[in-house]
Amino acid sequence: MKRIIGICIFISLGQVNAQPNRIIGVWLTSDKAAKIEIYQRESRFYGKMIWLTPNVDEKGKPLTDTENPDPAKRNRKLEGLEIISGLAYADGKWKGTIYDPESGKTYKSQIKLVNENTLELTGYVGLPMFGITETWKRSSHDKD
């Protein structure tokens, strides 16, 4: 009996520890203009833009991070740019920061999974209740 209880506890702990990984994958933004791949590096989670449309300017050149406050970073391509940083999982939410390349600003962020294929991302200054929330859908690496 003790062995069965021990196995049940071990399985339960494994499921709790696996919970933070549910965010890993490719997500289509609410405006369907970009796909963000969320991945784990050590104990934190990060997200990079792996696809966007349009991905070139009117001259056919790849879009770059022109609004970045650091002039040295303005030539970075948007495709491949890490925009979500340092997400830590606690109490059913991931908290970290998100960079908005359209404004060049970085905000605190909070992500919660609505279900396995839907997440709500809130970017905010101060408190999440005063932020802007978007709904992202799980996607594939391919264009939808």
N, C-alpha and C. Protein backbone atom coordinates (compact mmCIF):
# COMPACT_ATOMS: atom_id res chain seq x y z
N MET A 1 0.82 -1.20 0.00
CA MET A 1 0.00 0.00 0.00
C MET A 1 0.87 1.26 0.00
N LYS A 2 1.92 1.27 0.83
CA LYS A 2 2.80 2.44 0.88
C LYS A 2 3.45 2.68 -0.48
N ARG A 3 3.78 1.59 -1.16
CA ARG A 3 4.41 1.71 -2.47
C ARG A 3 3.44 2.36 -3.46
N ILE A 4 2.17 1.98 -3.45
CA ILE A 4 1.16 2.55 -4.35
C ILE A 4 0.98 4.03 -4.06
N ILE A 5 0.92 4.41 -2.77
CA ILE A 5 0.78 5.82 -2.40
C ILE A 5 2.00 6.60 -2.88
N GLY A 6 3.18 6.01 -2.70
CA GLY A 6 4.41 6.67 -3.15
C GLY A 6 4.43 6.90 -4.65
N ILE A 7 3.98 5.90 -5.41
CA ILE A 7 3.91 6.02 -6.87
C ILE A 7 2.92 7.12 -7.26
N CYS A 8 1.76 7.15 -6.60
CA CYS A 8 0.75 8.19 -6.89
C CYS A 8 1.30 9.58 -6.61
N ILE A 9 2.01 9.75 -5.51
CA ILE A 9 2.60 11.05 -5.17
C ILE A 9 3.64 11.43 -6.21
N PHE A 10 4.48 10.48 -6.61
CA PHE A 10 5.51 10.75 -7.62
C PHE A 10 4.87 11.19 -8.94
N ILE A 11 3.83 10.48 -9.37
CA ILE A 11 3.14 10.83 -10.62
C ILE A 11 2.51 12.21 -10.51
N SER A 12 1.89 12.53 -9.39
CA SER A 12 1.27 13.84 -9.19
C SER A 12 2.31 14.95 -9.24
N LEU A 13 3.44 14.75 -8.60
CA LEU A 13 4.49 15.77 -8.63
C LEU A 13 5.01 15.97 -10.04
N GLY A 14 5.14 14.91 -10.78
CA GLY A 14 5.59 15.02 -12.17
C GLY A 14 4.63 15.83 -13.01
N GLN A 15 3.32 15.66 -12.78
CA GLN A 15 2.33 16.42 -13.54
C GLN A 15 2.37 17.89 -13.18
N VAL A 16 2.57 18.21 -11.91
CA VAL A 16 2.65 19.61 -11.48
C VAL A 16 3.89 20.26 -12.08
N ASN A 17 5.02 19.55 -12.06
CA ASN A 17 6.25 20.12 -12.60
C ASN A 17 6.20 20.29 -14.11
N ALA A 18 5.40 19.47 -14.80
CA ALA A 18 5.29 19.57 -16.26
C ALA A 18 4.37 20.71 -16.68
N GLN A 19 3.56 21.18 -15.79
CA GLN A 19 2.59 22.23 -16.10
C GLN A 19 3.20 23.46 -16.77
N PRO A 20 4.31 24.00 -16.30
CA PRO A 20 4.85 25.21 -16.94
C PRO A 20 5.19 25.02 -18.41
N ASN A 21 5.50 23.82 -18.83
CA ASN A 21 5.89 23.56 -20.22
C ASN A 21 4.73 23.66 -21.19
N ARG A 22 3.51 23.73 -20.71
CA ARG A 22 2.34 23.77 -21.60
C ARG A 22 2.34 25.00 -22.50
N ILE A 23 3.09 26.01 -22.16
CA ILE A 23 3.14 27.24 -22.95
C ILE A 23 4.06 27.10 -24.17
N ILE A 24 4.91 26.10 -24.15
CA ILE A 24 5.88 25.90 -25.24
C ILE A 24 5.14 25.58 -26.53
N GLY A 25 5.54 26.26 -27.60
CA GLY A 25 4.94 26.02 -28.91
C GLY A 25 4.94 27.28 -29.75
N VAL A 26 4.24 27.23 -30.85
CA VAL A 26 4.13 28.36 -31.78
C VAL A 26 2.73 28.93 -31.65
N TRP A 27 2.66 30.26 -31.52
CA TRP A 27 1.40 30.95 -31.27
C TRP A 27 1.17 32.03 -32.32
N LEU A 28 -0.04 32.07 -32.86
CA LEU A 28 -0.44 33.08 -33.84
C LEU A 28 -1.04 34.26 -33.07
N THR A 29 -0.52 35.46 -33.32
CA THR A 29 -1.01 36.64 -32.61
C THR A 29 -2.45 36.95 -33.00
N SER A 30 -3.11 37.75 -32.19
CA SER A 30 -4.54 38.03 -32.41
C SER A 30 -4.81 38.68 -33.76
N ASP A 31 -3.88 39.49 -34.26
CA ASP A 31 -4.09 40.13 -35.57
C ASP A 31 -3.64 39.25 -36.73
N LYS A 32 -3.14 38.06 -36.42
CA LYS A 32 -2.67 37.08 -37.40
C LYS A 32 -1.51 37.61 -38.25
N ALA A 33 -0.80 38.59 -37.72
CA ALA A 33 0.32 39.18 -38.45
C ALA A 33 1.67 38.56 -38.09
N ALA A 34 1.71 37.76 -37.02
CA ALA A 34 2.99 37.18 -36.60
C ALA A 34 2.77 35.86 -35.87
N LYS A 35 3.80 35.03 -35.93
CA LYS A 35 3.84 33.81 -35.13
C LYS A 35 5.02 33.93 -34.18
N ILE A 36 4.73 33.60 -32.91
CA ILE A 36 5.74 33.69 -31.87
C ILE A 36 6.00 32.28 -31.36
N GLU A 37 7.27 31.88 -31.39
CA GLU A 37 7.64 30.58 -30.83
C GLU A 37 8.07 30.79 -29.39
N ILE A 38 7.37 30.13 -28.47
CA ILE A 38 7.72 30.21 -27.05
C ILE A 38 8.50 28.95 -26.71
N TYR A 39 9.64 29.13 -26.07
CA TYR A 39 10.54 28.02 -25.76
C TYR A 39 11.12 28.24 -24.37
N GLN A 40 11.74 27.20 -23.84
CA GLN A 40 12.32 27.26 -22.51
C GLN A 40 13.83 27.31 -22.61
N ARG A 41 14.42 28.17 -21.80
CA ARG A 41 15.88 28.25 -21.66
C ARG A 41 16.13 28.26 -20.16
N GLU A 42 16.76 27.20 -19.69
CA GLU A 42 16.94 26.96 -18.25
C GLU A 42 15.57 26.94 -17.59
N SER A 43 15.31 27.73 -16.57
CA SER A 43 14.02 27.65 -15.88
C SER A 43 13.02 28.72 -16.34
N ARG A 44 13.38 29.52 -17.34
CA ARG A 44 12.51 30.60 -17.83
C ARG A 44 12.05 30.31 -19.25
N PHE A 45 11.05 31.09 -19.68
CA PHE A 45 10.48 30.94 -21.01
C PHE A 45 10.66 32.24 -21.79
N TYR A 46 10.86 32.08 -23.11
CA TYR A 46 11.14 33.21 -24.00
C TYR A 46 10.34 33.02 -25.28
N GLY A 47 10.16 34.10 -26.02
CA GLY A 47 9.43 34.01 -27.28
C GLY A 47 10.08 34.84 -28.35
N LYS A 48 10.20 34.25 -29.54
CA LYS A 48 10.76 35.00 -30.67
C LYS A 48 9.80 34.95 -31.84
N MET A 49 9.84 36.02 -32.62
CA MET A 49 9.00 36.14 -33.81
C MET A 49 9.62 35.27 -34.91
N ILE A 50 8.90 34.23 -35.32
CA ILE A 50 9.46 33.34 -36.34
C ILE A 50 8.83 33.55 -37.71
N TRP A 51 7.74 34.32 -37.75
CA TRP A 51 7.05 34.58 -39.02
C TRP A 51 6.25 35.85 -38.85
N LEU A 52 6.24 36.71 -39.85
CA LEU A 52 5.39 37.88 -39.83
C LEU A 52 5.02 38.27 -41.25
N THR A 53 3.90 38.96 -41.35
CA THR A 53 3.45 39.42 -42.66
C THR A 53 2.94 40.86 -42.53
N PRO A 54 3.40 41.77 -43.31
CA PRO A 54 4.48 41.57 -44.27
C PRO A 54 5.81 41.45 -43.54
N ASN A 55 6.78 40.82 -44.19
CA ASN A 55 8.09 40.69 -43.57
C ASN A 55 9.16 41.51 -44.30
N VAL A 56 8.73 42.27 -45.30
CA VAL A 56 9.65 43.15 -46.02
C VAL A 56 9.02 44.54 -46.16
N ASP A 57 9.88 45.54 -46.33
CA ASP A 57 9.38 46.91 -46.52
C ASP A 57 9.05 47.15 -48.00
N GLU A 58 8.71 48.39 -48.33
CA GLU A 58 8.31 48.72 -49.71
C GLU A 58 9.44 48.54 -50.72
N LYS A 59 10.69 48.45 -50.24
CA LYS A 59 11.83 48.23 -51.12
C LYS A 59 12.22 46.76 -51.20
N GLY A 60 11.46 45.91 -50.51
CA GLY A 60 11.73 44.48 -50.53
C GLY A 60 12.78 44.04 -49.52
N LYS A 61 13.17 44.93 -48.62
CA LYS A 61 14.17 44.59 -47.60
C LYS A 61 13.46 44.09 -46.34
N PRO A 62 14.09 43.14 -45.63
CA PRO A 62 13.48 42.63 -44.40
C PRO A 62 13.20 43.75 -43.40
N LEU A 63 12.03 43.66 -42.73
CA LEU A 63 11.68 44.65 -41.71
C LEU A 63 12.67 44.56 -40.56
N THR A 64 13.02 45.73 -40.03
CA THR A 64 13.98 45.79 -38.93
C THR A 64 13.38 46.51 -37.74
N ASP A 65 14.09 46.48 -36.65
CA ASP A 65 13.65 47.02 -35.36
C ASP A 65 13.88 48.53 -35.30
N THR A 66 13.27 49.26 -36.23
CA THR A 66 13.54 50.69 -36.41
C THR A 66 13.13 51.57 -35.24
N GLU A 67 12.19 51.12 -34.42
CA GLU A 67 11.71 51.94 -33.30
C GLU A 67 12.46 51.69 -32.00
N ASN A 68 13.47 50.82 -32.04
CA ASN A 68 14.22 50.51 -30.82
C ASN A 68 14.89 51.77 -30.28
N PRO A 69 14.79 52.02 -28.97
CA PRO A 69 15.43 53.21 -28.40
C PRO A 69 16.96 53.17 -28.48
N ASP A 70 17.53 51.98 -28.65
CA ASP A 70 18.98 51.83 -28.78
C ASP A 70 19.33 51.84 -30.27
N PRO A 71 19.96 52.91 -30.76
CA PRO A 71 20.28 52.99 -32.19
C PRO A 71 21.09 51.80 -32.71
N ALA A 72 21.89 51.19 -31.87
CA ALA A 72 22.70 50.05 -32.29
C ALA A 72 21.86 48.82 -32.61
N LYS A 73 20.60 48.79 -32.15
CA LYS A 73 19.73 47.63 -32.37
C LYS A 73 18.71 47.85 -33.48
N ARG A 74 18.71 48.99 -34.11
CA ARG A 74 17.68 49.31 -35.10
C ARG A 74 17.80 48.55 -36.41
N ASN A 75 18.94 47.92 -36.66
CA ASN A 75 19.12 47.14 -37.88
C ASN A 75 18.81 45.66 -37.68
N ARG A 76 18.39 45.26 -36.48
CA ARG A 76 18.05 43.86 -36.24
C ARG A 76 16.79 43.49 -37.01
N LYS A 77 16.80 42.35 -37.66
CA LYS A 77 15.61 41.88 -38.37
C LYS A 77 14.53 41.53 -37.36
N LEU A 78 13.27 41.86 -37.70
CA LEU A 78 12.16 41.51 -36.83
C LEU A 78 11.94 40.01 -36.81
N GLU A 79 12.09 39.36 -37.97
CA GLU A 79 11.95 37.92 -38.01
C GLU A 79 13.13 37.31 -37.26
N GLY A 80 12.82 36.54 -36.22
CA GLY A 80 13.86 35.95 -35.37
C GLY A 80 14.12 36.74 -34.10
N LEU A 81 13.49 37.91 -33.97
CA LEU A 81 13.70 38.78 -32.81
C LEU A 81 13.00 38.21 -31.57
N GLU A 82 13.74 38.14 -30.47
CA GLU A 82 13.17 37.70 -29.20
C GLU A 82 12.39 38.87 -28.61
N ILE A 83 11.07 38.67 -28.45
CA ILE A 83 10.23 39.75 -27.93
C ILE A 83 9.66 39.45 -26.55
N ILE A 84 9.67 38.18 -26.14
CA ILE A 84 9.20 37.80 -24.81
C ILE A 84 10.41 37.30 -24.04
N SER A 85 10.58 37.82 -22.82
CA SER A 85 11.78 37.47 -22.05
C SER A 85 11.46 37.13 -20.60
N GLY A 86 12.21 36.18 -20.08
CA GLY A 86 12.24 35.89 -18.66
C GLY A 86 10.96 35.47 -18.01
N LEU A 87 10.07 34.81 -18.76
CA LEU A 87 8.80 34.38 -18.16
C LEU A 87 9.06 33.32 -17.08
N ALA A 88 8.51 33.56 -15.91
CA ALA A 88 8.58 32.59 -14.82
C ALA A 88 7.16 32.14 -14.50
N TYR A 89 7.02 30.86 -14.21
CA TYR A 89 5.70 30.28 -13.95
C TYR A 89 5.42 30.26 -12.45
N ALA A 90 4.25 30.75 -12.07
CA ALA A 90 3.79 30.68 -10.68
C ALA A 90 2.27 30.87 -10.66
N ASP A 91 1.61 30.06 -9.87
CA ASP A 91 0.16 30.19 -9.66
C ASP A 91 -0.64 30.20 -10.96
N GLY A 92 -0.26 29.36 -11.92
CA GLY A 92 -1.03 29.23 -13.15
C GLY A 92 -0.79 30.32 -14.18
N LYS A 93 0.21 31.17 -13.96
CA LYS A 93 0.52 32.27 -14.89
C LYS A 93 2.02 32.34 -15.12
N TRP A 94 2.37 32.88 -16.26
CA TRP A 94 3.77 33.15 -16.59
C TRP A 94 3.94 34.66 -16.58
N LYS A 95 4.95 35.15 -15.88
CA LYS A 95 5.19 36.59 -15.83
C LYS A 95 6.62 36.89 -16.25
N GLY A 96 6.75 37.96 -17.04
CA GLY A 96 8.05 38.39 -17.54
C GLY A 96 7.90 39.73 -18.22
N THR A 97 8.56 39.88 -19.38
CA THR A 97 8.44 41.12 -20.15
C THR A 97 8.15 40.81 -21.61
N ILE A 98 7.58 41.82 -22.29
CA ILE A 98 7.34 41.70 -23.73
C ILE A 98 7.78 43.01 -24.38
N TYR A 99 8.46 42.88 -25.49
CA TYR A 99 8.94 44.03 -26.26
C TYR A 99 8.00 44.24 -27.44
N ASP A 100 7.56 45.47 -27.64
CA ASP A 100 6.69 45.83 -28.76
C ASP A 100 7.54 46.53 -29.82
N PRO A 101 7.89 45.85 -30.91
CA PRO A 101 8.73 46.48 -31.92
C PRO A 101 8.06 47.64 -32.66
N GLU A 102 6.73 47.71 -32.61
CA GLU A 102 6.04 48.83 -33.27
C GLU A 102 6.25 50.14 -32.52
N SER A 103 6.41 50.08 -31.20
CA SER A 103 6.62 51.29 -30.40
C SER A 103 8.04 51.40 -29.86
N GLY A 104 8.77 50.28 -29.84
CA GLY A 104 10.11 50.27 -29.26
C GLY A 104 10.08 50.22 -27.73
N LYS A 105 8.94 49.88 -27.16
CA LYS A 105 8.80 49.86 -25.70
C LYS A 105 8.72 48.43 -25.18
N THR A 106 9.20 48.27 -23.95
CA THR A 106 9.13 46.99 -23.26
C THR A 106 8.16 47.13 -22.10
N TYR A 107 7.28 46.14 -21.96
CA TYR A 107 6.26 46.14 -20.92
C TYR A 107 6.37 44.89 -20.06
N LYS A 108 5.85 44.96 -18.86
CA LYS A 108 5.67 43.76 -18.06
C LYS A 108 4.63 42.92 -18.80
N SER A 109 4.72 41.61 -18.64
CA SER A 109 3.74 40.76 -19.31
C SER A 109 3.28 39.64 -18.39
N GLN A 110 2.08 39.20 -18.67
CA GLN A 110 1.49 38.07 -17.95
C GLN A 110 0.75 37.23 -18.97
N ILE A 111 0.99 35.93 -18.91
CA ILE A 111 0.33 35.01 -19.83
C ILE A 111 -0.41 33.96 -19.02
N LYS A 112 -1.62 33.67 -19.44
CA LYS A 112 -2.33 32.53 -18.85
C LYS A 112 -2.97 31.73 -19.97
N LEU A 113 -2.96 30.42 -19.80
CA LEU A 113 -3.59 29.55 -20.78
C LEU A 113 -5.07 29.46 -20.50
N VAL A 114 -5.87 29.72 -21.53
CA VAL A 114 -7.31 29.55 -21.44
C VAL A 114 -7.61 28.06 -21.61
N ASN A 115 -6.95 27.46 -22.59
CA ASN A 115 -6.97 26.01 -22.82
C ASN A 115 -5.68 25.67 -23.56
N GLU A 116 -5.51 24.43 -23.97
CA GLU A 116 -4.24 24.02 -24.58
C GLU A 116 -3.93 24.75 -25.88
N ASN A 117 -4.92 25.35 -26.52
CA ASN A 117 -4.71 26.01 -27.81
C ASN A 117 -4.97 27.50 -27.80
N THR A 118 -5.20 28.08 -26.63
CA THR A 118 -5.51 29.50 -26.52
C THR A 118 -4.80 30.08 -25.30
N LEU A 119 -4.13 31.21 -25.50
CA LEU A 119 -3.54 31.90 -24.36
C LEU A 119 -3.97 33.36 -24.38
N GLU A 120 -3.95 33.97 -23.21
CA GLU A 120 -4.21 35.40 -23.08
C GLU A 120 -2.92 36.04 -22.59
N LEU A 121 -2.42 36.98 -23.37
CA LEU A 121 -1.21 37.71 -23.03
C LEU A 121 -1.60 39.14 -22.70
N THR A 122 -1.17 39.61 -21.53
CA THR A 122 -1.43 40.98 -21.12
C THR A 122 -0.11 41.72 -21.01
N GLY A 123 0.01 42.83 -21.71
CA GLY A 123 1.15 43.73 -21.58
C GLY A 123 0.70 44.91 -20.75
N TYR A 124 1.54 45.32 -19.78
CA TYR A 124 1.09 46.37 -18.88
C TYR A 124 2.24 47.14 -18.25
N VAL A 125 1.88 48.29 -17.72
CA VAL A 125 2.75 49.10 -16.87
C VAL A 125 2.00 49.19 -15.55
N GLY A 126 2.64 48.90 -14.46
CA GLY A 126 1.94 48.94 -13.17
C GLY A 126 1.24 47.64 -12.88
N LEU A 127 -0.08 47.61 -13.02
CA LEU A 127 -0.88 46.43 -12.71
C LEU A 127 -1.50 45.82 -13.97
N PRO A 128 -1.57 44.47 -14.03
CA PRO A 128 -2.15 43.82 -15.21
C PRO A 128 -3.56 44.27 -15.54
N MET A 129 -4.35 44.63 -14.55
CA MET A 129 -5.74 45.02 -14.82
C MET A 129 -5.84 46.29 -15.66
N PHE A 130 -4.75 47.06 -15.73
CA PHE A 130 -4.74 48.28 -16.54
C PHE A 130 -4.02 48.09 -17.88
N GLY A 131 -3.68 46.85 -18.19
CA GLY A 131 -2.94 46.56 -19.41
C GLY A 131 -3.85 46.25 -20.59
N ILE A 132 -3.22 45.82 -21.65
CA ILE A 132 -3.93 45.41 -22.87
C ILE A 132 -3.75 43.90 -23.02
N THR A 133 -4.87 43.22 -23.22
CA THR A 133 -4.84 41.76 -23.33
C THR A 133 -5.18 41.35 -24.75
N GLU A 134 -4.39 40.41 -25.27
CA GLU A 134 -4.62 39.82 -26.58
C GLU A 134 -4.81 38.32 -26.41
N THR A 135 -5.55 37.72 -27.32
CA THR A 135 -5.74 36.28 -27.33
C THR A 135 -4.94 35.70 -28.50
N TRP A 136 -4.06 34.77 -28.20
CA TRP A 136 -3.26 34.09 -29.22
C TRP A 136 -3.71 32.65 -29.32
N LYS A 137 -3.62 32.11 -30.54
CA LYS A 137 -4.01 30.72 -30.80
C LYS A 137 -2.77 29.90 -31.14
N ARG A 138 -2.77 28.66 -30.64
CA ARG A 138 -1.65 27.76 -30.96
C ARG A 138 -1.64 27.52 -32.45
N SER A 139 -0.46 27.43 -33.03
CA SER A 139 -0.31 27.29 -34.47
C SER A 139 0.76 26.25 -34.76
N SER A 140 1.09 26.15 -36.01
CA SER A 140 2.20 25.31 -36.44
C SER A 140 3.31 26.22 -36.94
N HIS A 141 4.44 25.64 -37.32
CA HIS A 141 5.51 26.46 -37.87
C HIS A 141 5.16 26.99 -39.25
N ASP A 142 4.24 26.32 -39.92
CA ASP A 142 3.84 26.74 -41.26
C ASP A 142 2.87 27.89 -41.22
N LYS A 143 2.77 28.59 -42.29
CA LYS A 143 1.81 29.68 -42.43
C LYS A 143 0.39 29.13 -42.37
N ASP A 144 -0.51 29.80 -41.64
CA ASP A 144 -1.92 29.37 -41.55
C ASP A 144 -2.68 29.74 -42.79
